[in-house]
PDB file of N, CA and C in Angstrom:
ATOM      1  N   MET A   1      21.946  31.378  47.822  1.00  0.00           N
ATOM      2  CA  MET A   1      23.053  31.682  46.963  1.00  0.00           C
ATOM      3  C   MET A   1      24.064  30.545  46.907  1.00  0.00           C
ATOM      4  N   VAL A   2      24.185  29.800  47.937  1.00  0.00           N
ATOM      5  CA  VAL A   2      25.148  28.703  47.969  1.00  0.00           C
ATOM      6  C   VAL A   2      24.668  27.535  47.100  1.00  0.00           C
ATOM      7  N   GLY A   3      23.357  27.326  47.049  1.00  0.00           N
ATOM      8  CA  GLY A   3      22.804  26.188  46.318  1.00  0.00           C
ATOM      9  C   GLY A   3      23.201  26.126  44.851  1.00  0.00           C
ATOM     10  N   PRO A   4      22.960  27.165  44.066  1.00  0.00           N
ATOM     11  CA  PRO A   4      23.287  27.101  42.642  1.00  0.00           C
ATOM     12  C   PRO A   4      24.771  26.978  42.353  1.00  0.00           C
ATOM     13  N   ILE A   5      25.608  27.438  43.242  1.00  0.00           N
ATOM     14  CA  ILE A   5      27.048  27.377  42.995  1.00  0.00           C
ATOM     15  C   ILE A   5      27.548  25.932  43.017  1.00  0.00           C
ATOM     16  N   PHE A   6      26.983  25.123  43.886  1.00  0.00           N
ATOM     17  CA  PHE A   6      27.474  23.760  44.045  1.00  0.00           C
ATOM     18  C   PHE A   6      26.762  22.751  43.141  1.00  0.00           C
ATOM     19  N   GLN A   7      25.927  23.192  42.237  1.00  0.00           N
ATOM     20  CA  GLN A   7      25.267  22.250  41.331  1.00  0.00           C
ATOM     21  C   GLN A   7      26.147  21.933  40.127  1.00  0.00           C
ATOM     22  N   PHE A   8      27.172  22.703  39.900  1.00  0.00           N
ATOM     23  CA  PHE A   8      28.177  22.444  38.874  1.00  0.00           C
ATOM     24  C   PHE A   8      27.568  22.146  37.506  1.00  0.00           C
ATOM     25  N   GLY A   9      26.662  22.955  37.070  1.00  0.00           N
ATOM     26  CA  GLY A   9      26.103  22.824  35.717  1.00  0.00           C
ATOM     27  C   GLY A   9      25.058  21.735  35.550  1.00  0.00           C
ATOM     28  N   GLN A  10      24.476  21.262  36.648  1.00  0.00           N
ATOM     29  CA  GLN A  10      23.465  20.218  36.539  1.00  0.00           C
ATOM     30  C   GLN A  10      22.244  20.711  35.756  1.00  0.00           C
ATOM     31  N   ASN A  11      21.851  21.943  35.983  1.00  0.00           N
ATOM     32  CA  ASN A  11      20.698  22.471  35.250  1.00  0.00           C
ATOM     33  C   ASN A  11      20.980  22.500  33.755  1.00  0.00           C
ATOM     34  N   TYR A  12      22.194  22.905  33.378  1.00  0.00           N
ATOM     35  CA  TYR A  12      22.564  22.929  31.962  1.00  0.00           C
ATOM     36  C   TYR A  12      22.515  21.515  31.375  1.00  0.00           C
ATOM     37  N   LYS A  13      23.006  20.553  32.127  1.00  0.00           N
ATOM     38  CA  LYS A  13      22.980  19.164  31.660  1.00  0.00           C
ATOM     39  C   LYS A  13      21.552  18.652  31.543  1.00  0.00           C
ATOM     40  N   ARG A  14      20.697  19.015  32.463  1.00  0.00           N
ATOM     41  CA  ARG A  14      19.287  18.614  32.394  1.00  0.00           C
ATOM     42  C   ARG A  14      18.617  19.183  31.154  1.00  0.00           C
ATOM     43  N   VAL A  15      18.932  20.434  30.866  1.00  0.00           N
ATOM     44  CA  VAL A  15      18.365  21.072  29.675  1.00  0.00           C
ATOM     45  C   VAL A  15      18.851  20.341  28.426  1.00  0.00           C
ATOM     46  N   GLN A  16      20.130  20.024  28.389  1.00  0.00           N
ATOM     47  CA  GLN A  16      20.678  19.313  27.231  1.00  0.00           C
ATOM     48  C   GLN A  16      20.020  17.936  27.073  1.00  0.00           C
ATOM     49  N   VAL A  17      19.852  17.224  28.183  1.00  0.00           N
ATOM     50  CA  VAL A  17      19.218  15.902  28.150  1.00  0.00           C
ATOM     51  C   VAL A  17      17.782  16.021  27.635  1.00  0.00           C
ATOM     52  N   GLU A  18      17.062  17.020  28.104  1.00  0.00           N
ATOM     53  CA  GLU A  18      15.674  17.192  27.657  1.00  0.00           C
ATOM     54  C   GLU A  18      15.606  17.582  26.178  1.00  0.00           C
ATOM     55  N   ARG A  19      16.580  18.351  25.718  1.00  0.00           N
ATOM     56  CA  ARG A  19      16.614  18.692  24.290  1.00  0.00           C
ATOM     57  C   ARG A  19      16.844  17.438  23.442  1.00  0.00           C
ATOM     58  N   ILE A  20      17.732  16.598  23.900  1.00  0.00           N
ATOM     59  CA  ILE A  20      18.004  15.359  23.175  1.00  0.00           C
ATOM     60  C   ILE A  20      16.776  14.455  23.199  1.00  0.00           C
ATOM     61  N   ARG A  21      16.104  14.356  24.332  1.00  0.00           N
ATOM     62  CA  ARG A  21      14.877  13.549  24.417  1.00  0.00           C
ATOM     63  C   ARG A  21      13.790  14.099  23.494  1.00  0.00           C
ATOM     64  N   THR A  22      13.711  15.414  23.423  1.00  0.00           N
ATOM     65  CA  THR A  22      12.733  16.042  22.524  1.00  0.00           C
ATOM     66  C   THR A  22      13.065  15.725  21.069  1.00  0.00           C
ATOM     67  N   GLN A  23      14.352  15.782  20.728  1.00  0.00           N
ATOM     68  CA  GLN A  23      14.759  15.439  19.366  1.00  0.00           C
ATOM     69  C   GLN A  23      14.446  13.981  19.055  1.00  0.00           C
ATOM     70  N   GLN A  24      14.681  13.101  20.007  1.00  0.00           N
ATOM     71  CA  GLN A  24      14.374  11.689  19.817  1.00  0.00           C
ATOM     72  C   GLN A  24      12.874  11.482  19.612  1.00  0.00           C
ATOM     73  N   ALA A  25      12.074  12.159  20.404  1.00  0.00           N
ATOM     74  CA  ALA A  25      10.621  12.047  20.254  1.00  0.00           C
ATOM     75  C   ALA A  25      10.177  12.574  18.896  1.00  0.00           C
ATOM     76  N   GLN A  26      10.789  13.662  18.450  1.00  0.00           N
ATOM     77  CA  GLN A  26      10.448  14.223  17.152  1.00  0.00           C
ATOM     78  C   GLN A  26      10.832  13.256  16.033  1.00  0.00           C
ATOM     79  N   LEU A  27      12.006  12.669  16.117  1.00  0.00           N
ATOM     80  CA  LEU A  27      12.442  11.712  15.102  1.00  0.00           C
ATOM     81  C   LEU A  27      11.555  10.472  15.088  1.00  0.00           C
ATOM     82  N   GLN A  28      11.159  10.018  16.265  1.00  0.00           N
ATOM     83  CA  GLN A  28      10.255   8.868  16.344  1.00  0.00           C
ATOM     84  C   GLN A  28       8.908   9.204  15.709  1.00  0.00           C
ATOM     85  N   TYR A  29       8.410  10.397  15.976  1.00  0.00           N
ATOM     86  CA  TYR A  29       7.151  10.842  15.378  1.00  0.00           C
ATOM     87  C   TYR A  29       7.264  10.893  13.857  1.00  0.00           C
ATOM     88  N   GLU A  30       8.356  11.468  13.365  1.00  0.00           N
ATOM     89  CA  GLU A  30       8.552  11.548  11.913  1.00  0.00           C
ATOM     90  C   GLU A  30       8.633  10.156  11.289  1.00  0.00           C
ATOM     91  N   LYS A  31       9.278   9.239  11.987  1.00  0.00           N
ATOM     92  CA  LYS A  31       9.375   7.860  11.508  1.00  0.00           C
ATOM     93  C   LYS A  31       7.988   7.234  11.397  1.00  0.00           C
ATOM     94  N   VAL A  32       7.158   7.431  12.399  1.00  0.00           N
ATOM     95  CA  VAL A  32       5.802   6.877  12.387  1.00  0.00           C
ATOM     96  C   VAL A  32       4.974   7.511  11.269  1.00  0.00           C
ATOM     97  N   VAL A  33       5.100   8.817  11.092  1.00  0.00           N
ATOM     98  CA  VAL A  33       4.347   9.500  10.040  1.00  0.00           C
ATOM     99  C   VAL A  33       4.775   8.991   8.667  1.00  0.00           C
ATOM    100  N   LEU A  34       6.074   8.866   8.435  1.00  0.00           N
ATOM    101  CA  LEU A  34       6.560   8.364   7.155  1.00  0.00           C
ATOM    102  C   LEU A  34       6.116   6.926   6.910  1.00  0.00           C
ATOM    103  N   ALA A  35       6.124   6.111   7.949  1.00  0.00           N
ATOM    104  CA  ALA A  35       5.652   4.730   7.811  1.00  0.00           C
ATOM    105  C   ALA A  35       4.160   4.712   7.480  1.00  0.00           C
ATOM    106  N   SER A  36       3.408   5.606   8.073  1.00  0.00           N
ATOM    107  CA  SER A  36       1.973   5.686   7.786  1.00  0.00           C
ATOM    108  C   SER A  36       1.730   6.092   6.336  1.00  0.00           C
ATOM    109  N   PHE A  37       2.483   7.086   5.862  1.00  0.00           N
ATOM    110  CA  PHE A  37       2.351   7.482   4.458  1.00  0.00           C
ATOM    111  C   PHE A  37       2.728   6.338   3.528  1.00  0.00           C
ATOM    112  N   ALA A  38       3.755   5.594   3.877  1.00  0.00           N
ATOM    113  CA  ALA A  38       4.161   4.451   3.060  1.00  0.00           C
ATOM    114  C   ALA A  38       3.067   3.395   3.024  1.00  0.00           C
ATOM    115  N   ASP A  39       2.439   3.135   4.169  1.00  0.00           N
ATOM    116  CA  ASP A  39       1.351   2.165   4.222  1.00  0.00           C
ATOM    117  C   ASP A  39       0.167   2.603   3.351  1.00  0.00           C
ATOM    118  N   VAL A  40      -0.181   3.866   3.430  1.00  0.00           N
ATOM    119  CA  VAL A  40      -1.279   4.383   2.609  1.00  0.00           C
ATOM    120  C   VAL A  40      -0.928   4.286   1.130  1.00  0.00           C
ATOM    121  N   ASN A  41       0.298   4.642   0.777  1.00  0.00           N
ATOM    122  CA  ASN A  41       0.734   4.563  -0.609  1.00  0.00           C
ATOM    123  C   ASN A  41       0.680   3.122  -1.109  1.00  0.00           C
ATOM    124  N   ASN A  42       1.146   2.182  -0.301  1.00  0.00           N
ATOM    125  CA  ASN A  42       1.100   0.772  -0.685  1.00  0.00           C
ATOM    126  C   ASN A  42      -0.337   0.288  -0.858  1.00  0.00           C
ATOM    127  N   ALA A  43      -1.230   0.718   0.011  1.00  0.00           N
ATOM    128  CA  ALA A  43      -2.635   0.321  -0.101  1.00  0.00           C
ATOM    129  C   ALA A  43      -3.262   0.892  -1.368  1.00  0.00           C
ATOM    130  N   LEU A  44      -2.946   2.136  -1.701  1.00  0.00           N
ATOM    131  CA  LEU A  44      -3.485   2.741  -2.917  1.00  0.00           C
ATOM    132  C   LEU A  44      -2.970   2.027  -4.163  1.00  0.00           C
ATOM    133  N   ILE A  45      -1.692   1.683  -4.168  1.00  0.00           N
ATOM    134  CA  ILE A  45      -1.127   0.965  -5.304  1.00  0.00           C
ATOM    135  C   ILE A  45      -1.752  -0.419  -5.424  1.00  0.00           C
ATOM    136  N   ALA A  46      -1.927  -1.098  -4.297  1.00  0.00           N
ATOM    137  CA  ALA A  46      -2.549  -2.420  -4.323  1.00  0.00           C
ATOM    138  C   ALA A  46      -3.982  -2.327  -4.838  1.00  0.00           C
ATOM    139  N   ASN A  47      -4.713  -1.320  -4.410  1.00  0.00           N
ATOM    140  CA  ASN A  47      -6.087  -1.144  -4.866  1.00  0.00           C
ATOM    141  C   ASN A  47      -6.125  -0.908  -6.378  1.00  0.00           C
ATOM    142  N   LYS A  48      -5.228  -0.070  -6.871  1.00  0.00           N
ATOM    143  CA  LYS A  48      -5.166   0.201  -8.306  1.00  0.00           C
ATOM    144  C   LYS A  48      -4.802  -1.071  -9.073  1.00  0.00           C
ATOM    145  N   THR A  49      -3.849  -1.831  -8.555  1.00  0.00           N
ATOM    146  CA  THR A  49      -3.430  -3.065  -9.210  1.00  0.00           C
ATOM    147  C   THR A  49      -4.580  -4.064  -9.258  1.00  0.00           C
ATOM    148  N   PHE A  50      -5.308  -4.210  -8.164  1.00  0.00           N
ATOM    149  CA  PHE A  50      -6.435  -5.142  -8.138  1.00  0.00           C
ATOM    150  C   PHE A  50      -7.536  -4.703  -9.097  1.00  0.00           C
ATOM    151  N   ALA A  51      -7.759  -3.404  -9.193  1.00  0.00           N
ATOM    152  CA  ALA A  51      -8.774  -2.903 -10.116  1.00  0.00           C
ATOM    153  C   ALA A  51      -8.376  -3.189 -11.559  1.00  0.00           C
ATOM    154  N   GLU A  52      -7.107  -2.985 -11.875  1.00  0.00           N
ATOM    155  CA  GLU A  52      -6.636  -3.287 -13.229  1.00  0.00           C
ATOM    156  C   GLU A  52      -6.724  -4.779 -13.521  1.00  0.00           C
ATOM    157  N   GLU A  53      -6.354  -5.605 -12.550  1.00  0.00           N
ATOM    158  CA  GLU A  53      -6.432  -7.051 -12.727  1.00  0.00           C
ATOM    159  C   GLU A  53      -7.882  -7.494 -12.922  1.00  0.00           C
ATOM    160  N   TYR A  54      -8.786  -6.910 -12.166  1.00  0.00           N
ATOM    161  CA  TYR A  54     -10.197  -7.243 -12.317  1.00  0.00           C
ATOM    162  C   TYR A  54     -10.695  -6.869 -13.715  1.00  0.00           C
ATOM    163  N   ALA A  55     -10.309  -5.700 -14.195  1.00  0.00           N
ATOM    164  CA  ALA A  55     -10.726  -5.269 -15.537  1.00  0.00           C
ATOM    165  C   ALA A  55     -10.172  -6.212 -16.597  1.00  0.00           C
ATOM    166  N   ASN A  56      -8.922  -6.638 -16.440  1.00  0.00           N
ATOM    167  CA  ASN A  56      -8.337  -7.574 -17.403  1.00  0.00           C
ATOM    168  C   ASN A  56      -9.025  -8.927 -17.354  1.00  0.00           C
ATOM    169  N   ARG A  57      -9.357  -9.392 -16.172  1.00  0.00           N
ATOM    170  CA  ARG A  57     -10.082 -10.676 -16.040  1.00  0.00           C
ATOM    171  C   ARG A  57     -11.478 -10.573 -16.662  1.00  0.00           C
ATOM    172  N   LYS A  58     -12.090  -9.421 -16.517  1.00  0.00           N
ATOM    173  CA  LYS A  58     -13.415  -9.210 -17.113  1.00  0.00           C
ATOM    174  C   LYS A  58     -13.317  -9.280 -18.633  1.00  0.00           C
ATOM    175  N   ILE A  59     -12.263  -8.684 -19.203  1.00  0.00           N
ATOM    176  CA  ILE A  59     -12.059  -8.752 -20.650  1.00  0.00           C
ATOM    177  C   ILE A  59     -11.854 -10.204 -21.086  1.00  0.00           C
ATOM    178  N   GLN A  60     -11.070 -10.960 -20.312  1.00  0.00           N
ATOM    179  CA  GLN A  60     -10.853 -12.372 -20.624  1.00  0.00           C
ATOM    180  C   GLN A  60     -12.158 -13.157 -20.552  1.00  0.00           C
ATOM    181  N   GLU A  61     -12.952 -12.872 -19.541  1.00  0.00           N
ATOM    182  CA  GLU A  61     -14.240 -13.562 -19.402  1.00  0.00           C
ATOM    183  C   GLU A  61     -15.142 -13.262 -20.590  1.00  0.00           C
ATOM    184  N   ASP A  62     -15.219 -12.013 -20.984  1.00  0.00           N
ATOM    185  CA  ASP A  62     -16.057 -11.633 -22.124  1.00  0.00           C
ATOM    186  C   ASP A  62     -15.573 -12.297 -23.410  1.00  0.00           C
ATOM    187  N   ALA A  63     -14.252 -12.358 -23.598  1.00  0.00           N
ATOM    188  CA  ALA A  63     -13.699 -13.007 -24.797  1.00  0.00           C
ATOM    189  C   ALA A  63     -14.012 -14.497 -24.795  1.00  0.00           C
ATOM    190  N   GLY A  64     -13.884 -15.149 -23.648  1.00  0.00           N
ATOM    191  CA  GLY A  64     -14.215 -16.573 -23.552  1.00  0.00           C
ATOM    192  C   GLY A  64     -15.686 -16.833 -23.802  1.00  0.00           C
ATOM    193  N   ARG A  65     -16.528 -15.978 -23.266  1.00  0.00           N
ATOM    194  CA  ARG A  65     -17.977 -16.137 -23.466  1.00  0.00           C
ATOM    195  C   ARG A  65     -18.334 -15.952 -24.949  1.00  0.00           C
ATOM    196  N   LYS A  66     -17.703 -14.978 -25.593  1.00  0.00           N
ATOM    197  CA  LYS A  66     -17.966 -14.727 -27.015  1.00  0.00           C
ATOM    198  C   LYS A  66     -17.476 -15.902 -27.859  1.00  0.00           C
ATOM    199  N   ALA A  67     -16.308 -16.461 -27.510  1.00  0.00           N
ATOM    200  CA  ALA A  67     -15.794 -17.627 -28.230  1.00  0.00           C
ATOM    201  C   ALA A  67     -16.739 -18.810 -28.077  1.00  0.00           C
ATOM    202  N   LEU A  68     -17.288 -18.994 -26.887  1.00  0.00           N
ATOM    203  CA  LEU A  68     -18.241 -20.091 -26.670  1.00  0.00           C
ATOM    204  C   LEU A  68     -19.503 -19.873 -27.493  1.00  0.00           C
ATOM    205  N   GLU A  69     -20.007 -18.657 -27.522  1.00  0.00           N
ATOM    206  CA  GLU A  69     -21.208 -18.362 -28.316  1.00  0.00           C
ATOM    207  C   GLU A  69     -20.965 -18.623 -29.798  1.00  0.00           C
ATOM    208  N   LEU A  70     -19.796 -18.198 -30.286  1.00  0.00           N
ATOM    209  CA  LEU A  70     -19.479 -18.425 -31.694  1.00  0.00           C
ATOM    210  C   LEU A  70     -19.318 -19.910 -31.995  1.00  0.00           C
ATOM    211  N   SER A  71     -18.674 -20.655 -31.112  1.00  0.00           N
ATOM    212  CA  SER A  71     -18.519 -22.104 -31.307  1.00  0.00           C
ATOM    213  C   SER A  71     -19.871 -22.798 -31.317  1.00  0.00           C
ATOM    214  N   ASN A  72     -20.736 -22.414 -30.380  1.00  0.00           N
ATOM    215  CA  ASN A  72     -22.083 -23.008 -30.347  1.00  0.00           C
ATOM    216  C   ASN A  72     -22.872 -22.645 -31.599  1.00  0.00           C
ATOM    217  N   ALA A  73     -22.740 -21.417 -32.065  1.00  0.00           N
ATOM    218  CA  ALA A  73     -23.451 -21.016 -33.279  1.00  0.00           C
ATOM    219  C   ALA A  73     -22.948 -21.798 -34.477  1.00  0.00           C
ATOM    220  N   GLN A  74     -21.640 -22.010 -34.593  1.00  0.00           N
ATOM    221  CA  GLN A  74     -21.103 -22.804 -35.692  1.00  0.00           C
ATOM    222  C   GLN A  74     -21.629 -24.228 -35.641  1.00  0.00           C
ATOM    223  N   TYR A  75     -21.687 -24.808 -34.448  1.00  0.00           N
ATOM    224  CA  TYR A  75     -22.205 -26.164 -34.302  1.00  0.00           C
ATOM    225  C   TYR A  75     -23.695 -26.213 -34.631  1.00  0.00           C
ATOM    226  N   ASN A  76     -24.455 -25.257 -34.118  1.00  0.00           N
ATOM    227  CA  ASN A  76     -25.906 -25.255 -34.333  1.00  0.00           C
ATOM    228  C   ASN A  76     -26.263 -25.086 -35.809  1.00  0.00           C
ATOM    229  N   PHE A  77     -25.445 -24.347 -36.550  1.00  0.00           N
ATOM    230  CA  PHE A  77     -25.728 -24.158 -37.963  1.00  0.00           C
ATOM    231  C   PHE A  77     -25.035 -25.196 -38.839  1.00  0.00           C
ATOM    232  N   GLY A  78     -24.356 -26.162 -38.222  1.00  0.00           N
ATOM    233  CA  GLY A  78     -23.787 -27.280 -38.964  1.00  0.00           C
ATOM    234  C   GLY A  78     -22.436 -27.019 -39.598  1.00  0.00           C
ATOM    235  N   TYR A  79     -21.761 -25.992 -39.224  1.00  0.00           N
ATOM    236  CA  TYR A  79     -20.456 -25.699 -39.823  1.00  0.00           C
ATOM    237  C   TYR A  79     -19.322 -26.513 -39.199  1.00  0.00           C
ATOM    238  N   THR A  80     -19.461 -26.927 -37.946  1.00  0.00           N
ATOM    239  CA  THR A  80     -18.413 -27.690 -37.264  1.00  0.00           C
ATOM    240  C   THR A  80     -19.036 -28.841 -36.491  1.00  0.00           C
ATOM    241  N   SER A  81     -18.170 -29.767 -36.092  1.00  0.00           N
ATOM    242  CA  SER A  81     -18.658 -30.877 -35.268  1.00  0.00           C
ATOM    243  C   SER A  81     -18.641 -30.451 -33.800  1.00  0.00           C
ATOM    244  N   TYR A  82     -19.216 -31.284 -32.947  1.00  0.00           N
ATOM    245  CA  TYR A  82     -19.271 -30.940 -31.532  1.00  0.00           C
ATOM    246  C   TYR A  82     -17.896 -31.030 -30.894  1.00  0.00           C
ATOM    247  N   LEU A  83     -16.984 -31.780 -31.475  1.00  0.00           N
ATOM    248  CA  LEU A  83     -15.625 -31.867 -30.942  1.00  0.00           C
ATOM    249  C   LEU A  83     -14.953 -30.498 -30.947  1.00  0.00           C
ATOM    250  N   GLU A  84     -15.218 -29.687 -31.938  1.00  0.00           N
ATOM    251  CA  GLU A  84     -14.606 -28.364 -31.999  1.00  0.00           C
ATOM    252  C   GLU A  84     -15.228 -27.399 -30.990  1.00  0.00           C
ATOM    253  N   VAL A  85     -16.486 -27.656 -30.638  1.00  0.00           N
ATOM    254  CA  VAL A  85     -17.134 -26.797 -29.647  1.00  0.00           C
ATOM    255  C   VAL A  85     -16.492 -27.037 -28.302  1.00  0.00           C
TER     256      VAL A  85
END
């Protein structure tokens, strides 16, 4: 009976400290989860951007190839000189 009287609220303070530590751990966890979601979102956006860029480059390649074919056809049929090809 004498023991708890002379602790002067140490148990209450320990409980408060542990609650604060638990809150800190929870906030740290939430921070990590949010950072993970941000990383995934950034990766998805980058993947979409690269896919769009690849599609645009493919269109450019096809247009260049078609222009070369048309230039060669004009030269082969005598409509233009080789300088224009």
